[in-house]
Amino acid sequence: MNDTLEAIHLLEVKIKDLVTKYEFLKKENEILLQQNGQTQILLSETRQQLDNQRKQFDILKVAKTMEGSSEDTRNTKLKINALIREIDKCILLLNA
């Protein structure tokens, strides 16, 4: 009979310990879920900022290209002139 009471007492102690651990883990899980949500929001905001920065960078690249250096301007003019000559050749061939 005494062994049975000791076994029951030991079982009660283990159950109380398990309930305590369960409550602790439940609270820890809630905290981690909350932190995860906050991190997801921060990640979303950071991605949006990155997209905005990329758009601004692309706009700046276009603006710098338009501004260009004298070398870029010279190369662009040469390409345009070459295209005009090709178009003139095509027109002459069509008229012939």
Protein backbone atom coordinates (compact mmCIF):
# COMPACT_ATOMS: atom_id res chain seq x y z
CA MET A 1 0.00 0.00 0.00
CA ASN A 2 2.84 2.32 0.87
CA ASP A 3 4.49 1.72 -2.52
CA THR A 4 1.24 2.63 -4.25
CA LEU A 5 1.00 5.93 -2.34
CA GLU A 6 4.61 6.75 -3.17
CA ALA A 7 4.00 5.98 -6.84
CA ILE A 8 0.90 8.20 -6.84
CA HIS A 9 2.80 10.99 -5.08
CA LEU A 10 5.69 10.68 -7.56
CA LEU A 11 3.18 10.75 -10.44
CA GLU A 12 1.57 13.92 -9.01
CA VAL A 13 4.97 15.60 -8.73
CA LYS A 14 5.85 14.68 -12.31
CA ILE A 15 2.47 15.90 -13.58
CA LYS A 16 2.88 19.23 -11.75
CA ASP A 17 6.39 19.55 -13.21
CA LEU A 18 5.06 18.82 -16.69
CA VAL A 19 2.23 21.36 -16.28
CA THR A 20 4.74 23.98 -15.12
CA LYS A 21 6.99 23.27 -18.10
CA TYR A 22 3.97 23.35 -20.41
CA GLU A 23 2.89 26.77 -19.13
CA PHE A 24 6.43 28.10 -19.47
CA LEU A 25 6.74 26.79 -23.04
CA LYS A 26 3.28 28.13 -23.90
CA LYS A 27 4.28 31.64 -22.76
CA GLU A 28 7.62 31.37 -24.56
CA ASN A 29 5.83 30.29 -27.74
CA GLU A 30 3.48 33.30 -27.53
CA ILE A 31 6.48 35.62 -27.13
CA LEU A 32 8.27 34.01 -30.06
CA LEU A 33 5.16 34.25 -32.24
CA GLN A 34 4.85 37.94 -31.39
CA GLN A 35 8.53 38.52 -32.17
CA ASN A 36 8.13 36.62 -35.43
CA GLY A 37 5.21 38.84 -36.41
CA GLN A 38 7.21 41.96 -35.64
CA THR A 39 10.16 40.61 -37.60
CA GLN A 40 7.93 39.85 -40.58
CA ILE A 41 6.59 43.41 -40.52
CA LEU A 42 10.13 44.80 -40.30
CA LEU A 43 11.23 42.55 -43.16
CA SER A 44 8.32 43.73 -45.29
CA GLU A 45 9.13 47.37 -44.59
CA THR A 46 12.81 46.78 -45.34
CA ARG A 47 11.96 45.10 -48.64
CA GLN A 48 9.74 48.03 -49.58
CA GLN A 49 12.52 50.48 -48.74
CA LEU A 50 14.93 48.41 -50.83
CA ASP A 51 12.54 48.49 -53.78
CA ASN A 52 12.18 52.26 -53.41
CA GLN A 53 15.96 52.66 -53.27
CA ARG A 54 16.36 50.51 -56.38
CA LYS A 55 13.80 52.64 -58.23
CA GLN A 56 15.59 55.81 -57.19
CA PHE A 57 18.90 54.29 -58.27
CA ASP A 58 17.47 53.39 -61.68
CA ILE A 59 16.13 56.94 -62.07
CA LEU A 60 19.52 58.31 -61.10
CA LYS A 61 21.24 56.05 -63.63
CA VAL A 62 18.92 57.30 -66.37
CA ALA A 63 19.53 60.89 -65.32
CA LYS A 64 23.29 60.36 -65.31
CA THR A 65 23.10 58.71 -68.71
CA MET A 66 21.20 61.68 -70.09
CA GLU A 67 23.64 64.06 -68.49
CA GLY A 68 26.49 61.91 -69.75
CA SER A 69 30.09 62.74 -70.25
CA SER A 70 31.55 64.15 -73.45
CA GLU A 71 32.73 60.65 -74.40
CA ASP A 72 29.21 59.23 -73.99
CA THR A 73 27.75 62.09 -76.02
CA ARG A 74 30.29 61.54 -78.79
CA ASN A 75 29.57 57.80 -78.93
CA THR A 76 25.82 58.44 -78.97
CA LYS A 77 26.17 60.92 -81.84
CA LEU A 78 28.28 58.43 -83.80
CA LYS A 79 25.67 55.70 -83.33
CA ILE A 80 22.88 58.03 -84.40
CA ASN A 81 24.82 59.06 -87.50
CA ALA A 82 25.45 55.41 -88.39
CA LEU A 83 21.74 54.66 -88.03
CA ILE A 84 20.84 57.63 -90.25
CA ARG A 85 23.25 56.41 -92.96
CA GLU A 86 21.67 52.96 -92.84
CA ILE A 87 18.19 54.45 -93.12
CA ASP A 88 19.32 56.57 -96.10
CA LYS A 89 20.68 53.44 -97.82
CA CYS A 90 17.38 51.64 -97.23
CA ILE A 91 15.42 54.57 -98.69
CA LEU A 92 17.67 54.63 -101.77
CA LEU A 93 17.16 50.89 -102.29
CA LEU A 94 13.39 51.28 -101.95
CA ASN A 95 13.31 54.14 -104.47
CA ALA A 96 15.39 52.25 -107.05
